[in-house]
C-alpha atoms as a PDB file:
ATOM      1  CA  MET A   1       0.060  -0.070  -0.033  1.00  0.00           C
ATOM      2  CA  GLU A   2       0.987   3.661  -0.257  1.00  0.00           C
ATOM      3  CA  LEU A   3       0.802   5.977   2.677  1.00  0.00           C
ATOM      4  CA  LEU A   4       0.622   9.870   2.228  1.00  0.00           C
ATOM      5  CA  LEU A   5       1.657  11.411   5.605  1.00  0.00           C
ATOM      6  CA  ILE A   6       0.612  15.015   5.104  1.00  0.00           C
ATOM      7  CA  ARG A   7       1.463  17.960   7.467  1.00  0.00           C
ATOM      8  CA  HIS A   8      -1.616  20.297   8.443  1.00  0.00           C
ATOM      9  CA  ALA A   9      -2.224  23.565   6.595  1.00  0.00           C
ATOM     10  CA  LEU A  10      -1.373  27.025   8.215  1.00  0.00           C
ATOM     11  CA  PRO A  11      -3.185  27.438  11.565  1.00  0.00           C
ATOM     12  CA  MET A  12      -4.360  30.722  13.376  1.00  0.00           C
ATOM     13  CA  ARG A  13      -1.212  32.261  14.819  1.00  0.00           C
ATOM     14  CA  HIS A  14      -1.690  32.467  18.684  1.00  0.00           C
ATOM     15  CA  ALA A  15      -4.335  30.281  20.317  1.00  0.00           C
ATOM     16  CA  SER A  16      -4.157  31.070  24.180  1.00  0.00           C
ATOM     17  CA  THR A  17      -7.772  29.923  24.699  1.00  0.00           C
ATOM     18  CA  GLY A  18      -8.847  26.425  24.136  1.00  0.00           C
ATOM     19  CA  GLY A  19      -5.344  25.041  24.438  1.00  0.00           C
ATOM     20  CA  ALA A  20      -3.140  24.036  21.625  1.00  0.00           C
ATOM     21  CA  ASP A  21      -5.928  23.309  19.079  1.00  0.00           C
ATOM     22  CA  PRO A  22      -6.624  26.279  16.807  1.00  0.00           C
ATOM     23  CA  ALA A  23      -8.436  26.381  13.468  1.00  0.00           C
ATOM     24  CA  LEU A  24      -6.828  27.062  10.096  1.00  0.00           C
ATOM     25  CA  ALA A  25      -6.117  30.462   9.293  1.00  0.00           C
ATOM     26  CA  GLU A  26      -7.538  32.021   5.942  1.00  0.00           C
ATOM     27  CA  LEU A  27      -4.500  31.098   4.223  1.00  0.00           C
ATOM     28  CA  GLY A  28      -4.544  27.697   5.526  1.00  0.00           C
ATOM     29  CA  VAL A  29      -7.767  27.164   4.161  1.00  0.00           C
ATOM     30  CA  ALA A  30      -6.639  28.058   0.706  1.00  0.00           C
ATOM     31  CA  GLN A  31      -3.719  25.727   1.145  1.00  0.00           C
ATOM     32  CA  ALA A  32      -6.017  22.763   2.005  1.00  0.00           C
ATOM     33  CA  ALA A  33      -7.973  23.539  -0.973  1.00  0.00           C
ATOM     34  CA  ARG A  34      -4.888  23.357  -3.223  1.00  0.00           C
ATOM     35  CA  LEU A  35      -3.812  20.169  -1.728  1.00  0.00           C
ATOM     36  CA  ALA A  36      -7.131  18.572  -2.448  1.00  0.00           C
ATOM     37  CA  GLU A  37      -7.032  19.847  -5.946  1.00  0.00           C
ATOM     38  CA  TYR A  38      -3.508  18.506  -6.461  1.00  0.00           C
ATOM     39  CA  LEU A  39      -4.242  14.990  -5.077  1.00  0.00           C
ATOM     40  CA  SER A  40      -7.589  14.892  -7.275  1.00  0.00           C
ATOM     41  CA  THR A  41      -5.972  13.021 -10.004  1.00  0.00           C
ATOM     42  CA  GLU A  42      -4.782  10.205  -7.698  1.00  0.00           C
ATOM     43  CA  SER A  43      -6.900   7.361  -6.327  1.00  0.00           C
ATOM     44  CA  ILE A  44      -7.119   7.680  -2.546  1.00  0.00           C
ATOM     45  CA  ASP A  45      -9.181   4.952  -0.695  1.00  0.00           C
ATOM     46  CA  ALA A  46      -9.165   6.499   2.823  1.00  0.00           C
ATOM     47  CA  VAL A  47      -8.432   9.721   4.696  1.00  0.00           C
ATOM     48  CA  TYR A  48      -7.210   9.716   8.254  1.00  0.00           C
ATOM     49  CA  ALA A  49      -6.378  12.724  10.534  1.00  0.00           C
ATOM     50  CA  SER A  50      -5.284  13.667  13.803  1.00  0.00           C
ATOM     51  CA  PRO A  51      -8.198  14.798  15.902  1.00  0.00           C
ATOM     52  CA  MET A  52      -6.796  18.175  16.412  1.00  0.00           C
ATOM     53  CA  ARG A  53      -8.634  21.076  14.372  1.00  0.00           C
ATOM     54  CA  ARG A  54      -5.915  22.067  12.057  1.00  0.00           C
ATOM     55  CA  ALA A  55      -5.458  18.460  10.877  1.00  0.00           C
ATOM     56  CA  MET A  56      -9.130  17.768  10.587  1.00  0.00           C
ATOM     57  CA  GLU A  57      -9.860  20.936   8.799  1.00  0.00           C
ATOM     58  CA  THR A  58      -7.015  20.212   6.365  1.00  0.00           C
ATOM     59  CA  ALA A  59      -8.315  16.866   5.637  1.00  0.00           C
ATOM     60  CA  ALA A  60     -11.896  17.809   5.093  1.00  0.00           C
ATOM     61  CA  PRO A  61     -11.637  19.071   1.437  1.00  0.00           C
ATOM     62  CA  LEU A  62      -9.519  16.141   0.502  1.00  0.00           C
ATOM     63  CA  ALA A  63     -11.899  13.709   1.905  1.00  0.00           C
ATOM     64  CA  ALA A  64     -14.805  15.455   0.278  1.00  0.00           C
ATOM     65  CA  ARG A  65     -13.011  15.248  -3.169  1.00  0.00           C
ATOM     66  CA  PHE A  66     -12.909  11.432  -2.904  1.00  0.00           C
ATOM     67  CA  GLY A  67     -16.297  10.956  -1.240  1.00  0.00           C
ATOM     68  CA  VAL A  68     -15.023   9.519   2.080  1.00  0.00           C
ATOM     69  CA  ASP A  69     -15.443  10.536   5.537  1.00  0.00           C
ATOM     70  CA  VAL A  70     -12.284  11.642   7.700  1.00  0.00           C
ATOM     71  CA  ILE A  71     -11.437   9.075  10.167  1.00  0.00           C
ATOM     72  CA  ALA A  72      -9.872  10.441  13.316  1.00  0.00           C
ATOM     73  CA  SER A  73      -6.798   8.658  14.743  1.00  0.00           C
ATOM     74  CA  ASP A  74      -5.822   9.905  18.305  1.00  0.00           C
ATOM     75  CA  GLY A  75      -2.405   8.445  17.868  1.00  0.00           C
ATOM     76  CA  LEU A  76      -1.603  11.047  14.950  1.00  0.00           C
ATOM     77  CA  ALA A  77      -2.124  13.999  17.575  1.00  0.00           C
ATOM     78  CA  GLU A  78       0.893  16.122  17.921  1.00  0.00           C
ATOM     79  CA  TRP A  79       3.147  16.341  20.983  1.00  0.00           C
ATOM     80  CA  ASP A  80       1.714  19.816  22.193  1.00  0.00           C
ATOM     81  CA  ARG A  81      -1.776  18.581  22.361  1.00  0.00           C
ATOM     82  CA  ASN A  82      -1.966  19.022  26.197  1.00  0.00           C
ATOM     83  CA  ALA A  83      -0.238  22.529  25.836  1.00  0.00           C
ATOM     84  CA  ASP A  84      -2.060  25.708  27.147  1.00  0.00           C
ATOM     85  CA  GLU A  85      -1.028  27.657  24.012  1.00  0.00           C
ATOM     86  CA  TYR A  86      -0.232  26.965  20.249  1.00  0.00           C
ATOM     87  CA  VAL A  87       2.269  29.015  18.672  1.00  0.00           C
ATOM     88  CA  PRO A  88       3.402  27.983  15.104  1.00  0.00           C
ATOM     89  CA  ILE A  89       7.148  26.985  14.750  1.00  0.00           C
ATOM     90  CA  GLU A  90       7.412  29.603  12.156  1.00  0.00           C
ATOM     91  CA  ASP A  91       6.661  32.266  14.810  1.00  0.00           C
ATOM     92  CA  LEU A  92       8.812  30.773  17.367  1.00  0.00           C
ATOM     93  CA  ARG A  93      11.642  31.010  14.862  1.00  0.00           C
ATOM     94  CA  ALA A  94      11.008  34.543  13.786  1.00  0.00           C
ATOM     95  CA  SER A  95      10.804  35.826  17.431  1.00  0.00           C
ATOM     96  CA  GLY A  96      13.863  33.862  18.674  1.00  0.00           C
ATOM     97  CA  ASP A  97      11.664  32.292  21.335  1.00  0.00           C
ATOM     98  CA  PRO A  98      13.414  30.231  23.792  1.00  0.00           C
ATOM     99  CA  ARG A  99      11.265  27.256  22.749  1.00  0.00           C
ATOM    100  CA  TRP A 100      12.825  27.660  19.300  1.00  0.00           C
ATOM    101  CA  GLN A 101      16.419  27.609  20.803  1.00  0.00           C
ATOM    102  CA  ALA A 102      15.344  24.483  22.718  1.00  0.00           C
ATOM    103  CA  MET A 103      14.273  22.740  19.526  1.00  0.00           C
ATOM    104  CA  LEU A 104      17.519  23.672  17.716  1.00  0.00           C
ATOM    105  CA  ALA A 105      19.470  22.158  20.769  1.00  0.00           C
ATOM    106  CA  GLY A 106      17.393  18.869  20.445  1.00  0.00           C
ATOM    107  CA  GLU A 107      15.727  19.442  23.714  1.00  0.00           C
ATOM    108  CA  TRP A 108      12.295  17.819  24.354  1.00  0.00           C
ATOM    109  CA  ILE A 109       9.633  20.316  25.289  1.00  0.00           C
ATOM    110  CA  SER A 110       6.500  18.444  25.528  1.00  0.00           C
ATOM    111  CA  ASP A 111       4.992  16.900  28.785  1.00  0.00           C
ATOM    112  CA  GLU A 112       4.632  13.493  26.858  1.00  0.00           C
ATOM    113  CA  ASP A 113       7.737  11.444  27.075  1.00  0.00           C
ATOM    114  CA  PRO A 114       9.470  11.410  23.797  1.00  0.00           C
ATOM    115  CA  VAL A 115       9.745   7.538  23.912  1.00  0.00           C
ATOM    116  CA  ALA A 116       6.278   7.296  24.404  1.00  0.00           C
ATOM    117  CA  PHE A 117       5.295   9.777  21.906  1.00  0.00           C
ATOM    118  CA  GLY A 118       7.274   8.085  19.158  1.00  0.00           C
ATOM    119  CA  ALA A 119       5.806   4.654  20.095  1.00  0.00           C
ATOM    120  CA  ARG A 120       2.272   6.248  19.847  1.00  0.00           C
ATOM    121  CA  VAL A 121       2.910   7.530  16.444  1.00  0.00           C
ATOM    122  CA  VAL A 122       4.549   4.285  14.993  1.00  0.00           C
ATOM    123  CA  ASP A 123       1.612   2.242  16.421  1.00  0.00           C
ATOM    124  CA  ALA A 124      -1.057   4.601  14.846  1.00  0.00           C
ATOM    125  CA  VAL A 125       0.580   4.588  11.507  1.00  0.00           C
ATOM    126  CA  GLU A 126       1.175   0.775  11.489  1.00  0.00           C
ATOM    127  CA  VAL A 127      -2.548   0.258  12.424  1.00  0.00           C
ATOM    128  CA  ILE A 128      -3.567   2.338   9.316  1.00  0.00           C
ATOM    129  CA  ILE A 129      -1.196   0.495   7.001  1.00  0.00           C
ATOM    130  CA  ALA A 130      -2.527  -2.818   8.335  1.00  0.00           C
ATOM    131  CA  ALA A 131      -5.999  -1.767   7.580  1.00  0.00           C
ATOM    132  CA  HIS A 132      -5.535  -0.966   3.927  1.00  0.00           C
ATOM    133  CA  PRO A 133      -3.600  -3.574   2.069  1.00  0.00           C
ATOM    134  CA  GLY A 134      -3.015  -2.687  -1.573  1.00  0.00           C
ATOM    135  CA  GLN A 135      -4.707   0.810  -0.988  1.00  0.00           C
ATOM    136  CA  VAL A 136      -3.667   4.329  -1.093  1.00  0.00           C
ATOM    137  CA  VAL A 137      -4.420   6.267   2.122  1.00  0.00           C
ATOM    138  CA  ALA A 138      -3.736   9.836   3.262  1.00  0.00           C
ATOM    139  CA  ALA A 139      -3.129  10.564   6.912  1.00  0.00           C
ATOM    140  CA  VAL A 140      -3.149  14.338   7.830  1.00  0.00           C
ATOM    141  CA  CYS A 141      -0.975  14.973  10.956  1.00  0.00           C
ATOM    142  CA  HIS A 142       1.736  17.252  12.247  1.00  0.00           C
ATOM    143  CA  GLY A 143       5.310  18.080  11.818  1.00  0.00           C
ATOM    144  CA  GLY A 144       6.340  16.217  14.923  1.00  0.00           C
ATOM    145  CA  VAL A 145       4.329  13.229  13.859  1.00  0.00           C
ATOM    146  CA  VAL A 146       5.883  13.203  10.332  1.00  0.00           C
ATOM    147  CA  ASN A 147       9.416  13.398  12.100  1.00  0.00           C
ATOM    148  CA  ALA A 148       8.724  10.714  14.567  1.00  0.00           C
ATOM    149  CA  TYR A 149       7.540   7.961  11.950  1.00  0.00           C
ATOM    150  CA  LEU A 150      10.152   8.836   9.527  1.00  0.00           C
ATOM    151  CA  ALA A 151      12.725   8.740  12.218  1.00  0.00           C
ATOM    152  CA  HIS A 152      11.509   5.206  13.105  1.00  0.00           C
ATOM    153  CA  LEU A 153      11.872   4.182   9.294  1.00  0.00           C
ATOM    154  CA  LEU A 154      15.559   5.673   9.239  1.00  0.00           C
ATOM    155  CA  GLY A 155      16.682   4.230  12.268  1.00  0.00           C
ATOM    156  CA  ARG A 156      17.000   7.546  14.220  1.00  0.00           C
ATOM    157  CA  SER A 157      16.440   7.198  18.060  1.00  0.00           C
ATOM    158  CA  GLU A 158      16.613  10.971  19.305  1.00  0.00           C
ATOM    159  CA  ALA A 159      13.614  12.789  19.986  1.00  0.00           C
ATOM    160  CA  GLY A 160      12.569  15.957  18.296  1.00  0.00           C
ATOM    161  CA  ALA A 161      12.615  17.354  14.754  1.00  0.00           C
ATOM    162  CA  PHE A 162      15.392  16.366  12.286  1.00  0.00           C
ATOM    163  CA  PHE A 163      13.794  18.247   9.353  1.00  0.00           C
ATOM    164  CA  ALA A 164      11.046  20.855   8.766  1.00  0.00           C
ATOM    165  CA  PRO A 165       7.937  19.511   6.928  1.00  0.00           C
ATOM    166  CA  ASP A 166       6.189  22.449   4.964  1.00  0.00           C
ATOM    167  CA  TYR A 167       2.601  23.121   5.381  1.00  0.00           C
ATOM    168  CA  THR A 168       0.460  20.583   3.413  1.00  0.00           C
ATOM    169  CA  SER A 169       3.666  18.856   2.503  1.00  0.00           C
ATOM    170  CA  ILE A 170       3.363  15.263   1.427  1.00  0.00           C
ATOM    171  CA  HIS A 171       5.586  12.342   2.524  1.00  0.00           C
ATOM    172  CA  ARG A 172       5.042   9.232   0.631  1.00  0.00           C
ATOM    173  CA  ILE A 173       5.716   5.793   2.040  1.00  0.00           C
ATOM    174  CA  ALA A 174       5.330   2.458   0.270  1.00  0.00           C
ATOM    175  CA  ALA A 175       4.452  -0.296   2.840  1.00  0.00           C
ATOM    176  CA  SER A 176       4.316  -4.149   2.035  1.00  0.00           C
ATOM    177  CA  ARG A 177       2.209  -6.898   3.755  1.00  0.00           C
ATOM    178  CA  ARG A 178       5.645  -8.432   4.671  1.00  0.00           C
ATOM    179  CA  GLY A 179       6.652  -5.341   6.817  1.00  0.00           C
ATOM    180  CA  HIS A 180       8.841  -3.672   4.226  1.00  0.00           C
ATOM    181  CA  ARG A 181       8.792   0.332   4.424  1.00  0.00           C
ATOM    182  CA  ALA A 182      10.270   2.587   1.883  1.00  0.00           C
ATOM    183  CA  ILE A 183      10.337   6.441   1.764  1.00  0.00           C
ATOM    184  CA  LEU A 184       9.182   7.486  -1.785  1.00  0.00           C
ATOM    185  CA  THR A 185       9.155  11.254  -1.621  1.00  0.00           C
ATOM    186  CA  LEU A 186       9.722  13.873   1.202  1.00  0.00           C
ATOM    187  CA  ASN A 187       8.191  17.354   1.435  1.00  0.00           C
ATOM    188  CA  GLU A 188       6.178  17.347  -1.903  1.00  0.00           C
ATOM    189  CA  THR A 189       4.814  20.992  -2.052  1.00  0.00           C
ATOM    190  CA  GLY A 190       4.334  21.461  -5.758  1.00  0.00           C
ATOM    191  CA  HIS A 191       0.756  22.363  -5.283  1.00  0.00           C
ATOM    192  CA  LEU A 192       1.865  25.590  -3.343  1.00  0.00           C
ATOM    193  CA  ARG A 193       4.718  26.716  -5.668  1.00  0.00           C
ATOM    194  CA  GLY A 194       3.790  29.897  -7.575  1.00  0.00           C
ATOM    195  CA  THR A 195       0.486  30.522  -5.704  1.00  0.00           C
ATOM    196  CA  GLY A 196       1.777  33.185  -3.312  1.00  0.00           C
ATOM    197  CA  LEU A 197       0.590  30.996  -0.292  1.00  0.00           C
ATOM    198  CA  PRO A 198       3.065  30.471   2.382  1.00  0.00           C
ATOM    199  CA  VAL A 199       5.092  27.059   2.274  1.00  0.00           C
ATOM    200  CA  GLY A 200       6.619  26.791   5.816  1.00  0.00           C
ATOM    201  CA  LEU A 201       9.526  27.606   7.883  1.00  0.00           C
ATOM    202  CA  PHE A 202      11.806  28.650   5.123  1.00  0.00           C
ATOM    203  CA  GLU A 203       9.601  30.414   2.657  1.00  0.00           C
ATOM    204  CA  ARG A 204       9.848  29.566  -0.970  1.00  0.00           C
ATOM    205  CA  SER A 205       7.792  30.925  -3.990  1.00  0.00           C
END
């Protein structure tokens, strides 16, 4: 089967009420629409998403395009799901926030144990893979989740991010029934190029 791990679109910038679970920003809604259009020529059999709003709202137009429901997977939730505030990593970087410096230093800043987080993500992704042999499945999640699963495939044991997935970036993984896993593409963002929409941590047009 082929799994498309997709980072959510641009969320609202600062959400200090309702915890770390903001809705998409206006530009994020446009990104999600471009994503659905870009993937419309493919055959996607199921769409999963983290239960967090920014992921569910990103997945909605894609699922509508293929006439399927979005299936929420709690294991795909981001490491900050229990935080009191959400600040996009792009804002942390721009302001020189100490949390950005901690990420650069490889320091874990979540209340969820990094080993437990990684195990949760891997388990959730493998459940999705097992449920869809021979199919193509999209799973909309978060930068930390993408990092955790790809780190698992690459044999990296350290916690934290080792690369920066862009907004609505697609990361394709081939998974066989025998347990073989292969990374096919990383950080596909062709659907955002030339649109004027923000891409991610390091802006590109």
